[in-house]
Amino acid sequence: FIVREASRIRSNFRAAKSLDLYLEYHGVVGIEEIDTRRLVRHIR
């Protein structure tokens, strides 16, 4: 999972946990601070 910025703050009353903990629990590698606009242009 690739994102520009991963929020450490969850601002919703329905949230049970953070995205970071969710990915860690399921063993999914996440990357942030990536220039996603540049990456998307490359893929296009």
PDB file of all heavy atoms in Angstrom:
ATOM      1  N   PHE A   1       0.855  -1.183   0.000  1.00  0.00           N
ATOM      2  CA  PHE A   1       0.000   0.000   0.000  1.00  0.00           C
ATOM      3  C   PHE A   1       0.890   1.232   0.000  1.00  0.00           C
ATOM      4  O   PHE A   1       1.734   1.401   0.886  1.00  0.00           O
ATOM      5  CB  PHE A   1      -0.901  -0.018   1.231  1.00  0.00           C
ATOM      6  CG  PHE A   1      -2.106   0.882   1.142  1.00  0.00           C
ATOM      7  CD1 PHE A   1      -2.930   0.858   0.035  1.00  0.00           C
ATOM      8  CD2 PHE A   1      -2.437   1.736   2.183  1.00  0.00           C
ATOM      9  CE1 PHE A   1      -4.055   1.657  -0.050  1.00  0.00           C
ATOM     10  CE2 PHE A   1      -3.557   2.546   2.124  1.00  0.00           C
ATOM     11  CZ  PHE A   1      -4.370   2.507   0.996  1.00  0.00           C
ATOM     12  N   ILE A   2       0.724   2.106  -1.011  1.00  0.00           N
ATOM     13  CA  ILE A   2       1.585   3.270  -1.200  1.00  0.00           C
ATOM     14  C   ILE A   2       0.760   4.540  -1.060  1.00  0.00           C
ATOM     15  O   ILE A   2      -0.257   4.706  -1.743  1.00  0.00           O
ATOM     16  CB  ILE A   2       2.257   3.235  -2.590  1.00  0.00           C
ATOM     17  CG1 ILE A   2       3.059   1.938  -2.773  1.00  0.00           C
ATOM     18  CG2 ILE A   2       3.154   4.446  -2.786  1.00  0.00           C
ATOM     19  CD1 ILE A   2       3.592   1.741  -4.177  1.00  0.00           C
ATOM     20  N   VAL A   3       1.198   5.468  -0.182  1.00  0.00           N
ATOM     21  CA  VAL A   3       0.488   6.732   0.013  1.00  0.00           C
ATOM     22  C   VAL A   3       1.482   7.881   0.112  1.00  0.00           C
ATOM     23  O   VAL A   3       2.668   7.680   0.392  1.00  0.00           O
ATOM     24  CB  VAL A   3      -0.393   6.699   1.280  1.00  0.00           C
ATOM     25  CG1 VAL A   3      -1.419   5.585   1.203  1.00  0.00           C
ATOM     26  CG2 VAL A   3       0.455   6.556   2.539  1.00  0.00           C
ATOM     27  N   ARG A   4       0.963   9.083  -0.119  1.00  0.00           N
ATOM     28  CA  ARG A   4       1.805  10.273   0.055  1.00  0.00           C
ATOM     29  C   ARG A   4       2.006  10.548   1.538  1.00  0.00           C
ATOM     30  O   ARG A   4       3.117  10.774   1.999  1.00  0.00           O
ATOM     31  CB  ARG A   4       1.143  11.483  -0.626  1.00  0.00           C
ATOM     32  CG  ARG A   4       1.922  12.793  -0.457  1.00  0.00           C
ATOM     33  CD  ARG A   4       3.227  12.715  -1.195  1.00  0.00           C
ATOM     34  NE  ARG A   4       4.064  13.899  -0.984  1.00  0.00           N
ATOM     35  CZ  ARG A   4       4.951  14.027  -0.009  1.00  0.00           C
ATOM     36  NH1 ARG A   4       5.120  13.041   0.867  1.00  0.00           N
ATOM     37  NH2 ARG A   4       5.670  15.108   0.095  1.00  0.00           N
ATOM     38  N   GLU A   5       0.905  10.550   2.292  1.00  0.00           N
ATOM     39  CA  GLU A   5       0.984  10.783   3.742  1.00  0.00           C
ATOM     40  C   GLU A   5      -0.022   9.902   4.454  1.00  0.00           C
ATOM     41  O   GLU A   5      -1.201   9.879   4.100  1.00  0.00           O
ATOM     42  CB  GLU A   5       0.708  12.252   4.072  1.00  0.00           C
ATOM     43  CG  GLU A   5       0.757  12.550   5.565  1.00  0.00           C
ATOM     44  CD  GLU A   5       0.424  14.005   5.875  1.00  0.00           C
ATOM     45  OE1 GLU A   5       0.310  14.813   4.932  1.00  0.00           O
ATOM     46  OE2 GLU A   5       0.249  14.313   7.076  1.00  0.00           O
ATOM     47  N   ALA A   6       0.433   9.168   5.440  1.00  0.00           N
ATOM     48  CA  ALA A   6      -0.437   8.326   6.258  1.00  0.00           C
ATOM     49  C   ALA A   6      -0.752   9.065   7.556  1.00  0.00           C
ATOM     50  O   ALA A   6       0.152   9.360   8.343  1.00  0.00           O
ATOM     51  CB  ALA A   6       0.241   7.001   6.564  1.00  0.00           C
ATOM     52  N   SER A   7      -2.030   9.359   7.771  1.00  0.00           N
ATOM     53  CA  SER A   7      -2.434  10.096   8.959  1.00  0.00           C
ATOM     54  C   SER A   7      -2.281   9.241  10.217  1.00  0.00           C
ATOM     55  O   SER A   7      -2.709   8.090  10.252  1.00  0.00           O
ATOM     56  CB  SER A   7      -3.883  10.557   8.819  1.00  0.00           C
ATOM     57  OG  SER A   7      -4.329  11.178  10.003  1.00  0.00           O
ATOM     58  N   ARG A   8      -1.648   9.811  11.235  1.00  0.00           N
ATOM     59  CA  ARG A   8      -1.531   9.131  12.534  1.00  0.00           C
ATOM     60  C   ARG A   8      -2.748   9.386  13.403  1.00  0.00           C
ATOM     61  O   ARG A   8      -2.932   8.757  14.430  1.00  0.00           O
ATOM     62  CB  ARG A   8      -0.290   9.619  13.282  1.00  0.00           C
ATOM     63  CG  ARG A   8       1.016   8.868  13.059  1.00  0.00           C
ATOM     64  CD  ARG A   8       1.225   8.381  11.687  1.00  0.00           C
ATOM     65  NE  ARG A   8       2.545   7.729  11.531  1.00  0.00           N
ATOM     66  CZ  ARG A   8       3.069   7.460  10.367  1.00  0.00           C
ATOM     67  NH1 ARG A   8       2.432   7.791   9.257  1.00  0.00           N
ATOM     68  NH2 ARG A   8       4.234   6.850  10.276  1.00  0.00           N
ATOM     69  N   ILE A   9      -3.592  10.320  12.985  1.00  0.00           N
ATOM     70  CA  ILE A   9      -4.777  10.697  13.752  1.00  0.00           C
ATOM     71  C   ILE A   9      -6.010  10.157  13.047  1.00  0.00           C
ATOM     72  O   ILE A   9      -6.196  10.370  11.847  1.00  0.00           O
ATOM     73  CB  ILE A   9      -4.884  12.230  13.880  1.00  0.00           C
ATOM     74  CG1 ILE A   9      -3.631  12.794  14.564  1.00  0.00           C
ATOM     75  CG2 ILE A   9      -6.143  12.618  14.647  1.00  0.00           C
ATOM     76  CD1 ILE A   9      -3.566  14.303  14.560  1.00  0.00           C
ATOM     77  N   ARG A  10      -6.849   9.440  13.765  1.00  0.00           N
ATOM     78  CA  ARG A  10      -8.108   8.959  13.198  1.00  0.00           C
ATOM     79  C   ARG A  10      -9.244   9.814  13.745  1.00  0.00           C
ATOM     80  O   ARG A  10      -9.518   9.834  14.945  1.00  0.00           O
ATOM     81  CB  ARG A  10      -8.313   7.480  13.505  1.00  0.00           C
ATOM     82  CG  ARG A  10      -8.214   7.071  14.960  1.00  0.00           C
ATOM     83  CD  ARG A  10      -8.379   5.550  15.068  1.00  0.00           C
ATOM     84  NE  ARG A  10      -8.579   5.097  16.429  1.00  0.00           N
ATOM     85  CZ  ARG A  10      -7.612   4.729  17.249  1.00  0.00           C
ATOM     86  NH1 ARG A  10      -6.358   4.770  16.831  1.00  0.00           N
ATOM     87  NH2 ARG A  10      -7.883   4.313  18.474  1.00  0.00           N
ATOM     88  N   SER A  11      -9.903  10.520  12.846  1.00  0.00           N
ATOM     89  CA  SER A  11     -10.895  11.515  13.240  1.00  0.00           C
ATOM     90  C   SER A  11     -12.297  11.095  12.816  1.00  0.00           C
ATOM     91  O   SER A  11     -12.947  11.767  12.018  1.00  0.00           O
ATOM     92  CB  SER A  11     -10.533  12.872  12.618  1.00  0.00           C
ATOM     93  OG  SER A  11      -9.227  13.252  12.958  1.00  0.00           O
ATOM     94  N   ASN A  12     -12.742   9.962  13.329  1.00  0.00           N
ATOM     95  CA  ASN A  12     -14.099   9.502  13.028  1.00  0.00           C
ATOM     96  C   ASN A  12     -14.612   8.688  14.206  1.00  0.00           C
ATOM     97  O   ASN A  12     -13.879   7.847  14.748  1.00  0.00           O
ATOM     98  CB  ASN A  12     -14.098   8.659  11.750  1.00  0.00           C
ATOM     99  CG  ASN A  12     -15.503   8.364  11.271  1.00  0.00           C
ATOM    100  OD1 ASN A  12     -16.189   7.518  11.828  1.00  0.00           O
ATOM    101  ND2 ASN A  12     -15.936   9.073  10.233  1.00  0.00           N
ATOM    102  N   PHE A  13     -15.857   8.920  14.593  1.00  0.00           N
ATOM    103  CA  PHE A  13     -16.404   8.242  15.766  1.00  0.00           C
ATOM    104  C   PHE A  13     -16.534   6.744  15.561  1.00  0.00           C
ATOM    105  O   PHE A  13     -16.627   5.982  16.518  1.00  0.00           O
ATOM    106  CB  PHE A  13     -17.768   8.849  16.134  1.00  0.00           C
ATOM    107  CG  PHE A  13     -18.882   8.469  15.202  1.00  0.00           C
ATOM    108  CD1 PHE A  13     -19.743   7.417  15.511  1.00  0.00           C
ATOM    109  CD2 PHE A  13     -19.072   9.145  14.006  1.00  0.00           C
ATOM    110  CE1 PHE A  13     -20.768   7.053  14.657  1.00  0.00           C
ATOM    111  CE2 PHE A  13     -20.097   8.788  13.143  1.00  0.00           C
ATOM    112  CZ  PHE A  13     -20.945   7.745  13.471  1.00  0.00           C
ATOM    113  N   ARG A  14     -16.521   6.281  14.302  1.00  0.00           N
ATOM    114  CA  ARG A  14     -16.667   4.851  14.019  1.00  0.00           C
ATOM    115  C   ARG A  14     -15.328   4.119  14.028  1.00  0.00           C
ATOM    116  O   ARG A  14     -15.293   2.888  13.959  1.00  0.00           O
ATOM    117  CB  ARG A  14     -17.347   4.659  12.664  1.00  0.00           C
ATOM    118  CG  ARG A  14     -18.749   5.212  12.608  1.00  0.00           C
ATOM    119  CD  ARG A  14     -19.289   5.300  11.182  1.00  0.00           C
ATOM    120  NE  ARG A  14     -19.400   3.980  10.581  1.00  0.00           N
ATOM    121  CZ  ARG A  14     -18.796   3.630   9.455  1.00  0.00           C
ATOM    122  NH1 ARG A  14     -18.027   4.479   8.813  1.00  0.00           N
ATOM    123  NH2 ARG A  14     -18.970   2.418   8.971  1.00  0.00           N
ATOM    124  N   ALA A  15     -14.235   4.844  14.078  1.00  0.00           N
ATOM    125  CA  ALA A  15     -12.917   4.215  13.970  1.00  0.00           C
ATOM    126  C   ALA A  15     -12.620   3.325  15.174  1.00  0.00           C
ATOM    127  O   ALA A  15     -12.781   3.735  16.319  1.00  0.00           O
ATOM    128  CB  ALA A  15     -11.838   5.280  13.826  1.00  0.00           C
ATOM    129  N   ALA A  16     -12.168   2.095  14.882  1.00  0.00           N
ATOM    130  CA  ALA A  16     -11.788   1.165  15.943  1.00  0.00           C
ATOM    131  C   ALA A  16     -10.277   1.148  16.154  1.00  0.00           C
ATOM    132  O   ALA A  16      -9.801   0.870  17.247  1.00  0.00           O
ATOM    133  CB  ALA A  16     -12.279  -0.243  15.602  1.00  0.00           C
ATOM    134  N   LYS A  17      -9.529   1.414  15.090  1.00  0.00           N
ATOM    135  CA  LYS A  17      -8.073   1.464  15.195  1.00  0.00           C
ATOM    136  C   LYS A  17      -7.533   2.286  14.040  1.00  0.00           C
ATOM    137  O   LYS A  17      -8.270   2.666  13.124  1.00  0.00           O
ATOM    138  CB  LYS A  17      -7.465   0.069  15.201  1.00  0.00           C
ATOM    139  CG  LYS A  17      -7.678  -0.735  13.915  1.00  0.00           C
ATOM    140  CD  LYS A  17      -6.950  -2.062  13.938  1.00  0.00           C
ATOM    141  CE  LYS A  17      -7.505  -3.002  14.974  1.00  0.00           C
ATOM    142  NZ  LYS A  17      -6.897  -4.345  14.915  1.00  0.00           N
ATOM    143  N   SER A  18      -6.232   2.545  14.065  1.00  0.00           N
ATOM    144  CA  SER A  18      -5.603   3.326  13.000  1.00  0.00           C
ATOM    145  C   SER A  18      -5.294   2.447  11.802  1.00  0.00           C
ATOM    146  O   SER A  18      -5.179   1.222  11.915  1.00  0.00           O
ATOM    147  CB  SER A  18      -4.319   3.975  13.508  1.00  0.00           C
ATOM    148  OG  SER A  18      -3.329   2.980  13.758  1.00  0.00           O
ATOM    149  N   LEU A  19      -5.142   3.079  10.649  1.00  0.00           N
ATOM    150  CA  LEU A  19      -4.777   2.358   9.441  1.00  0.00           C
ATOM    151  C   LEU A  19      -3.431   1.662   9.612  1.00  0.00           C
ATOM    152  O   LEU A  19      -3.247   0.519   9.191  1.00  0.00           O
ATOM    153  CB  LEU A  19      -4.731   3.316   8.249  1.00  0.00           C
ATOM    154  CG  LEU A  19      -4.211   2.736   6.931  1.00  0.00           C
ATOM    155  CD1 LEU A  19      -5.097   1.594   6.436  1.00  0.00           C
ATOM    156  CD2 LEU A  19      -4.108   3.835   5.871  1.00  0.00           C
ATOM    157  N   ASP A  20      -2.497   2.331  10.255  1.00  0.00           N
ATOM    158  CA  ASP A  20      -1.162   1.769  10.454  1.00  0.00           C
ATOM    159  C   ASP A  20      -1.215   0.464  11.251  1.00  0.00           C
ATOM    160  O   ASP A  20      -0.609  -0.544  10.870  1.00  0.00           O
ATOM    161  CB  ASP A  20      -0.275   2.795  11.168  1.00  0.00           C
ATOM    162  CG  ASP A  20       1.168   2.334  11.286  1.00  0.00           C
ATOM    163  OD1 ASP A  20       1.773   2.018  10.244  1.00  0.00           O
ATOM    164  OD2 ASP A  20       1.684   2.265  12.418  1.00  0.00           O
ATOM    165  N   LEU A  21      -1.963   0.465  12.347  1.00  0.00           N
ATOM    166  CA  LEU A  21      -2.092  -0.751  13.157  1.00  0.00           C
ATOM    167  C   LEU A  21      -2.836  -1.843  12.406  1.00  0.00           C
ATOM    168  O   LEU A  21      -2.535  -3.029  12.551  1.00  0.00           O
ATOM    169  CB  LEU A  21      -2.810  -0.424  14.475  1.00  0.00           C
ATOM    170  CG  LEU A  21      -2.025   0.401  15.493  1.00  0.00           C
ATOM    171  CD1 LEU A  21      -2.908   0.744  16.690  1.00  0.00           C
ATOM    172  CD2 LEU A  21      -0.781  -0.337  15.949  1.00  0.00           C
ATOM    173  N   TYR A  22      -3.806  -1.448  11.607  1.00  0.00           N
ATOM    174  CA  TYR A  22      -4.592  -2.401  10.819  1.00  0.00           C
ATOM    175  C   TYR A  22      -3.700  -3.128   9.821  1.00  0.00           C
ATOM    176  O   TYR A  22      -3.744  -4.366   9.703  1.00  0.00           O
ATOM    177  CB  TYR A  22      -5.703  -1.642  10.111  1.00  0.00           C
ATOM    178  CG  TYR A  22      -6.642  -2.489   9.284  1.00  0.00           C
ATOM    179  CD1 TYR A  22      -7.590  -3.305   9.884  1.00  0.00           C
ATOM    180  CD2 TYR A  22      -6.600  -2.443   7.891  1.00  0.00           C
ATOM    181  CE1 TYR A  22      -8.473  -4.061   9.131  1.00  0.00           C
ATOM    182  CE2 TYR A  22      -7.469  -3.192   7.124  1.00  0.00           C
ATOM    183  CZ  TYR A  22      -8.403  -4.001   7.749  1.00  0.00           C
ATOM    184  OH  TYR A  22      -9.276  -4.749   6.988  1.00  0.00           O
ATOM    185  N   LEU A  23      -2.887  -2.386   9.089  1.00  0.00           N
ATOM    186  CA  LEU A  23      -1.980  -3.002   8.120  1.00  0.00           C
ATOM    187  C   LEU A  23      -0.947  -3.878   8.815  1.00  0.00           C
ATOM    188  O   LEU A  23      -0.625  -4.975   8.354  1.00  0.00           O
ATOM    189  CB  LEU A  23      -1.282  -1.921   7.297  1.00  0.00           C
ATOM    190  CG  LEU A  23      -2.167  -1.090   6.364  1.00  0.00           C
ATOM    191  CD1 LEU A  23      -1.345  -0.010   5.671  1.00  0.00           C
ATOM    192  CD2 LEU A  23      -2.861  -1.967   5.338  1.00  0.00           C
ATOM    193  N   GLU A  24      -0.428  -3.397   9.950  1.00  0.00           N
ATOM    194  CA  GLU A  24       0.562  -4.183  10.702  1.00  0.00           C
ATOM    195  C   GLU A  24      -0.045  -5.497  11.190  1.00  0.00           C
ATOM    196  O   GLU A  24       0.586  -6.558  11.098  1.00  0.00           O
ATOM    197  CB  GLU A  24       1.072  -3.366  11.889  1.00  0.00           C
ATOM    198  CG  GLU A  24       2.137  -4.086  12.712  1.00  0.00           C
ATOM    199  CD  GLU A  24       2.622  -3.260  13.887  1.00  0.00           C
ATOM    200  OE1 GLU A  24       2.214  -2.088  14.004  1.00  0.00           O
ATOM    201  OE2 GLU A  24       3.398  -3.797  14.703  1.00  0.00           O
ATOM    202  N   TYR A  25      -1.280  -5.447  11.674  1.00  0.00           N
ATOM    203  CA  TYR A  25      -1.943  -6.645  12.176  1.00  0.00           C
ATOM    204  C   TYR A  25      -2.100  -7.694  11.073  1.00  0.00           C
ATOM    205  O   TYR A  25      -1.936  -8.899  11.313  1.00  0.00           O
ATOM    206  CB  TYR A  25      -3.313  -6.273  12.746  1.00  0.00           C
ATOM    207  CG  TYR A  25      -4.145  -7.455  13.198  1.00  0.00           C
ATOM    208  CD1 TYR A  25      -3.913  -8.050  14.440  1.00  0.00           C
ATOM    209  CD2 TYR A  25      -5.146  -7.979  12.385  1.00  0.00           C
ATOM    210  CE1 TYR A  25      -4.667  -9.143  14.847  1.00  0.00           C
ATOM    211  CE2 TYR A  25      -5.898  -9.063  12.783  1.00  0.00           C
ATOM    212  CZ  TYR A  25      -5.652  -9.651  14.018  1.00  0.00           C
ATOM    213  OH  TYR A  25      -6.388 -10.749  14.413  1.00  0.00           O
ATOM    214  N   HIS A  26      -2.389  -7.237   9.869  1.00  0.00           N
ATOM    215  CA  HIS A  26      -2.618  -8.165   8.760  1.00  0.00           C
ATOM    216  C   HIS A  26      -1.356  -8.446   7.945  1.00  0.00           C
ATOM    217  O   HIS A  26      -1.421  -9.181   6.948  1.00  0.00           O
ATOM    218  CB  HIS A  26      -3.713  -7.619   7.839  1.00  0.00           C
ATOM    219  CG  HIS A  26      -5.082  -7.695   8.429  1.00  0.00           C
ATOM    220  ND1 HIS A  26      -5.787  -8.874   8.559  1.00  0.00           N
ATOM    221  CD2 HIS A  26      -5.892  -6.725   8.945  1.00  0.00           C
ATOM    222  CE1 HIS A  26      -6.971  -8.636   9.107  1.00  0.00           C
ATOM    223  NE2 HIS A  26      -7.060  -7.349   9.350  1.00  0.00           N
ATOM    224  N   GLY A  27      -0.235  -7.873   8.340  1.00  0.00           N
ATOM    225  CA  GLY A  27       1.016  -8.163   7.651  1.00  0.00           C
ATOM    226  C   GLY A  27       1.133  -7.559   6.268  1.00  0.00           C
ATOM    227  O   GLY A  27       1.783  -8.125   5.388  1.00  0.00           O
ATOM    228  N   VAL A  28       0.508  -6.396   6.064  1.00  0.00           N
ATOM    229  CA  VAL A  28       0.576  -5.708   4.772  1.00  0.00           C
ATOM    230  C   VAL A  28       1.606  -4.586   4.851  1.00  0.00           C
ATOM    231  O   VAL A  28       1.566  -3.759   5.761  1.00  0.00           O
ATOM    232  CB  VAL A  28      -0.796  -5.122   4.383  1.00  0.00           C
ATOM    233  CG1 VAL A  28      -0.692  -4.327   3.082  1.00  0.00           C
ATOM    234  CG2 VAL A  28      -1.825  -6.229   4.247  1.00  0.00           C
ATOM    235  N   VAL A  29       2.521  -4.550   3.896  1.00  0.00           N
ATOM    236  CA  VAL A  29       3.557  -3.526   3.874  1.00  0.00           C
ATOM    237  C   VAL A  29       2.976  -2.219   3.354  1.00  0.00           C
ATOM    238  O   VAL A  29       2.343  -2.181   2.289  1.00  0.00           O
ATOM    239  CB  VAL A  29       4.739  -3.950   2.982  1.00  0.00           C
ATOM    240  CG1 VAL A  29       5.795  -2.852   2.946  1.00  0.00           C
ATOM    241  CG2 VAL A  29       5.344  -5.243   3.483  1.00  0.00           C
ATOM    242  N   GLY A  30       3.178  -1.142   4.105  1.00  0.00           N
ATOM    243  CA  GLY A  30       2.742   0.175   3.677  1.00  0.00           C
ATOM    244  C   GLY A  30       3.931   1.116   3.539  1.00  0.00           C
ATOM    245  O   GLY A  30       4.890   1.037   4.314  1.00  0.00           O
ATOM    246  N   ILE A  31       3.872   1.988   2.533  1.00  0.00           N
ATOM    247  CA  ILE A  31       4.940   2.961   2.296  1.00  0.00           C
ATOM    248  C   ILE A  31       4.326   4.347   2.216  1.00  0.00           C
ATOM    249  O   ILE A  31       3.326   4.551   1.525  1.00  0.00           O
ATOM    250  CB  ILE A  31       5.687   2.677   0.971  1.00  0.00           C
ATOM    251  CG1 ILE A  31       6.101   1.223   0.861  1.00  0.00           C
ATOM    252  CG2 ILE A  31       6.897   3.581   0.834  1.00  0.00           C
ATOM    253  CD1 ILE A  31       6.692   0.871  -0.489  1.00  0.00           C
ATOM    254  N   GLU A  32       4.939   5.324   2.893  1.00  0.00           N
ATOM    255  CA  GLU A  32       4.477   6.701   2.782  1.00  0.00           C
ATOM    256  C   GLU A  32       5.638   7.612   2.376  1.00  0.00           C
ATOM    257  O   GLU A  32       6.761   7.158   2.181  1.00  0.00           O
ATOM    258  CB  GLU A  32       3.844   7.179   4.091  1.00  0.00           C
ATOM    259  CG  GLU A  32       4.799   7.315   5.251  1.00  0.00           C
ATOM    260  CD  GLU A  32       4.150   8.006   6.446  1.00  0.00           C
ATOM    261  OE1 GLU A  32       3.270   8.846   6.245  1.00  0.00           O
ATOM    262  OE2 GLU A  32       4.555   7.693   7.573  1.00  0.00           O
ATOM    263  N   GLU A  33       5.333   8.908   2.257  1.00  0.00           N
ATOM    264  CA  GLU A  33       6.300   9.915   1.802  1.00  0.00           C
ATOM    265  C   GLU A  33       6.818   9.593   0.404  1.00  0.00           C
ATOM    266  O   GLU A  33       7.976   9.824   0.069  1.00  0.00           O
ATOM    267  CB  GLU A  33       7.448  10.067   2.804  1.00  0.00           C
ATOM    268  CG  GLU A  33       6.985  10.545   4.167  1.00  0.00           C
ATOM    269  CD  GLU A  33       8.139  10.818   5.119  1.00  0.00           C
ATOM    270  OE1 GLU A  33       9.291  10.838   4.651  1.00  0.00           O
ATOM    271  OE2 GLU A  33       7.879  11.002   6.318  1.00  0.00           O
ATOM    272  N   ILE A  34       5.931   9.036  -0.409  1.00  0.00           N
ATOM    273  CA  ILE A  34       6.229   8.763  -1.809  1.00  0.00           C
ATOM    274  C   ILE A  34       5.575   9.856  -2.661  1.00  0.00           C
ATOM    275  O   ILE A  34       4.454  10.286  -2.384  1.00  0.00           O
ATOM    276  CB  ILE A  34       5.674   7.382  -2.232  1.00  0.00           C
ATOM    277  CG1 ILE A  34       6.320   6.269  -1.398  1.00  0.00           C
ATOM    278  CG2 ILE A  34       5.871   7.137  -3.723  1.00  0.00           C
ATOM    279  CD1 ILE A  34       7.806   6.129  -1.604  1.00  0.00           C
ATOM    280  N   ASP A  35       6.276  10.317  -3.683  1.00  0.00           N
ATOM    281  CA  ASP A  35       5.701  11.280  -4.616  1.00  0.00           C
ATOM    282  C   ASP A  35       4.718  10.519  -5.498  1.00  0.00           C
ATOM    283  O   ASP A  35       5.055  10.046  -6.588  1.00  0.00           O
ATOM    284  CB  ASP A  35       6.802  11.921  -5.457  1.00  0.00           C
ATOM    285  CG  ASP A  35       6.281  13.044  -6.354  1.00  0.00           C
ATOM    286  OD1 ASP A  35       5.045  13.146  -6.521  1.00  0.00           O
ATOM    287  OD2 ASP A  35       7.097  13.805  -6.897  1.00  0.00           O
ATOM    288  N   THR A  36       3.494  10.373  -5.004  1.00  0.00           N
ATOM    289  CA  THR A  36       2.508   9.547  -5.703  1.00  0.00           C
ATOM    290  C   THR A  36       2.096  10.151  -7.041  1.00  0.00           C
ATOM    291  O   THR A  36       1.747   9.415  -7.974  1.00  0.00           O
ATOM    292  CB  THR A  36       1.273   9.318  -4.825  1.00  0.00           C
ATOM    293  OG1 THR A  36       0.794  10.573  -4.316  1.00  0.00           O
ATOM    294  CG2 THR A  36       1.616   8.409  -3.643  1.00  0.00           C
ATOM    295  N   ARG A  37       2.137  11.473  -7.185  1.00  0.00           N
ATOM    296  CA  ARG A  37       1.808  12.087  -8.471  1.00  0.00           C
ATOM    297  C   ARG A  37       2.820  11.655  -9.528  1.00  0.00           C
ATOM    298  O   ARG A  37       2.458  11.318 -10.661  1.00  0.00           O
ATOM    299  CB  ARG A  37       1.788  13.610  -8.354  1.00  0.00           C
ATOM    300  CG  ARG A  37       0.667  14.149  -7.482  1.00  0.00           C
ATOM    301  CD  ARG A  37       0.652  15.657  -7.466  1.00  0.00           C
ATOM    302  NE  ARG A  37       0.325  16.212  -8.765  1.00  0.00           N
ATOM    303  CZ  ARG A  37       0.289  17.529  -9.008  1.00  0.00           C
ATOM    304  NH1 ARG A  37       0.547  18.401  -8.042  1.00  0.00           N
ATOM    305  NH2 ARG A  37      -0.016  17.971 -10.221  1.00  0.00           N
ATOM    306  N   ARG A  38       4.067  11.647  -9.160  1.00  0.00           N
ATOM    307  CA  ARG A  38       5.106  11.225 -10.102  1.00  0.00           C
ATOM    308  C   ARG A  38       4.973   9.745 -10.434  1.00  0.00           C
ATOM    309  O   ARG A  38       5.110   9.334 -11.594  1.00  0.00           O
ATOM    310  CB  ARG A  38       6.486  11.512  -9.506  1.00  0.00           C
ATOM    311  CG  ARG A  38       7.646  11.124 -10.412  1.00  0.00           C
ATOM    312  CD  ARG A  38       8.974  11.473  -9.770  1.00  0.00           C
ATOM    313  NE  ARG A  38      10.089  11.079 -10.630  1.00  0.00           N
ATOM    314  CZ  ARG A  38      11.369  11.215 -10.283  1.00  0.00           C
ATOM    315  NH1 ARG A  38      11.682  11.738  -9.101  1.00  0.00           N
ATOM    316  NH2 ARG A  38      12.323  10.837 -11.117  1.00  0.00           N
ATOM    317  N   LEU A  39       4.683   8.936  -9.421  1.00  0.00           N
ATOM    318  CA  LEU A  39       4.523   7.497  -9.637  1.00  0.00           C
ATOM    319  C   LEU A  39       3.340   7.216 -10.562  1.00  0.00           C
ATOM    320  O   LEU A  39       3.435   6.385 -11.483  1.00  0.00           O
ATOM    321  CB  LEU A  39       4.327   6.791  -8.292  1.00  0.00           C
ATOM    322  CG  LEU A  39       4.040   5.285  -8.350  1.00  0.00           C
ATOM    323  CD1 LEU A  39       5.164   4.553  -9.056  1.00  0.00           C
ATOM    324  CD2 LEU A  39       3.839   4.731  -6.938  1.00  0.00           C
ATOM    325  N   VAL A  40       2.230   7.906 -10.339  1.00  0.00           N
ATOM    326  CA  VAL A  40       1.046   7.696 -11.177  1.00  0.00           C
ATOM    327  C   VAL A  40       1.320   8.130 -12.613  1.00  0.00           C
ATOM    328  O   VAL A  40       0.905   7.448 -13.559  1.00  0.00           O
ATOM    329  CB  VAL A  40      -0.167   8.439 -10.588  1.00  0.00           C
ATOM    330  CG1 VAL A  40      -1.331   8.454 -11.584  1.00  0.00           C
ATOM    331  CG2 VAL A  40      -0.600   7.785  -9.286  1.00  0.00           C
ATOM    332  N   ARG A  41       2.004   9.251 -12.796  1.00  0.00           N
ATOM    333  CA  ARG A  41       2.355   9.680 -14.155  1.00  0.00           C
ATOM    334  C   ARG A  41       3.194   8.622 -14.853  1.00  0.00           C
ATOM    335  O   ARG A  41       3.022   8.347 -16.048  1.00  0.00           O
ATOM    336  CB  ARG A  41       3.109  11.011 -14.126  1.00  0.00           C
ATOM    337  CG  ARG A  41       2.239  12.226 -13.885  1.00  0.00           C
ATOM    338  CD  ARG A  41       2.937  13.509 -14.314  1.00  0.00           C
ATOM    339  NE  ARG A  41       4.195  13.687 -13.611  1.00  0.00           N
ATOM    340  CZ  ARG A  41       4.337  14.347 -12.471  1.00  0.00           C
ATOM    341  NH1 ARG A  41       3.272  14.872 -11.888  1.00  0.00           N
ATOM    342  NH2 ARG A  41       5.513  14.469 -11.905  1.00  0.00           N
ATOM    343  N   HIS A  42       4.122   8.011 -14.111  1.00  0.00           N
ATOM    344  CA  HIS A  42       4.977   6.972 -14.681  1.00  0.00           C
ATOM    345  C   HIS A  42       4.145   5.766 -15.115  1.00  0.00           C
ATOM    346  O   HIS A  42       4.344   5.216 -16.211  1.00  0.00           O
ATOM    347  CB  HIS A  42       6.032   6.548 -13.658  1.00  0.00           C
ATOM    348  CG  HIS A  42       6.984   5.515 -14.165  1.00  0.00           C
ATOM    349  ND1 HIS A  42       7.943   5.802 -15.119  1.00  0.00           N
ATOM    350  CD2 HIS A  42       7.135   4.195 -13.871  1.00  0.00           C
ATOM    351  CE1 HIS A  42       8.644   4.707 -15.390  1.00  0.00           C
ATOM    352  NE2 HIS A  42       8.166   3.714 -14.635  1.00  0.00           N
ATOM    353  N   ILE A  43       3.202   5.352 -14.259  1.00  0.00           N
ATOM    354  CA  ILE A  43       2.351   4.205 -14.597  1.00  0.00           C
ATOM    355  C   ILE A  43       1.469   4.530 -15.803  1.00  0.00           C
ATOM    356  O   ILE A  43       1.286   3.698 -16.703  1.00  0.00           O
ATOM    357  CB  ILE A  43       1.478   3.805 -13.392  1.00  0.00           C
ATOM    358  CG1 ILE A  43       2.367   3.314 -12.244  1.00  0.00           C
ATOM    359  CG2 ILE A  43       0.476   2.722 -13.776  1.00  0.00           C
ATOM    360  CD1 ILE A  43       1.621   3.080 -10.944  1.00  0.00           C
ATOM    361  N   ARG A  44       0.921   5.755 -15.850  1.00  0.00           N
ATOM    362  CA  ARG A  44       0.081   6.142 -16.982  1.00  0.00           C
ATOM    363  C   ARG A  44       0.871   6.155 -18.290  1.00  0.00           C
ATOM    364  O   ARG A  44       0.359   5.793 -19.340  1.00  0.00           O
ATOM    365  CB  ARG A  44      -0.530   7.527 -16.733  1.00  0.00           C
ATOM    366  CG  ARG A  44      -1.692   7.519 -15.748  1.00  0.00           C
ATOM    367  CD  ARG A  44      -2.269   8.913 -15.591  1.00  0.00           C
ATOM    368  NE  ARG A  44      -2.763   9.428 -16.853  1.00  0.00           N
ATOM    369  CZ  ARG A  44      -4.002   9.257 -17.320  1.00  0.00           C
ATOM    370  NH1 ARG A  44      -4.877   8.569 -16.606  1.00  0.00           N
ATOM    371  NH2 ARG A  44      -4.373   9.768 -18.464  1.00  0.00           N
TER     372      ARG A  44
END
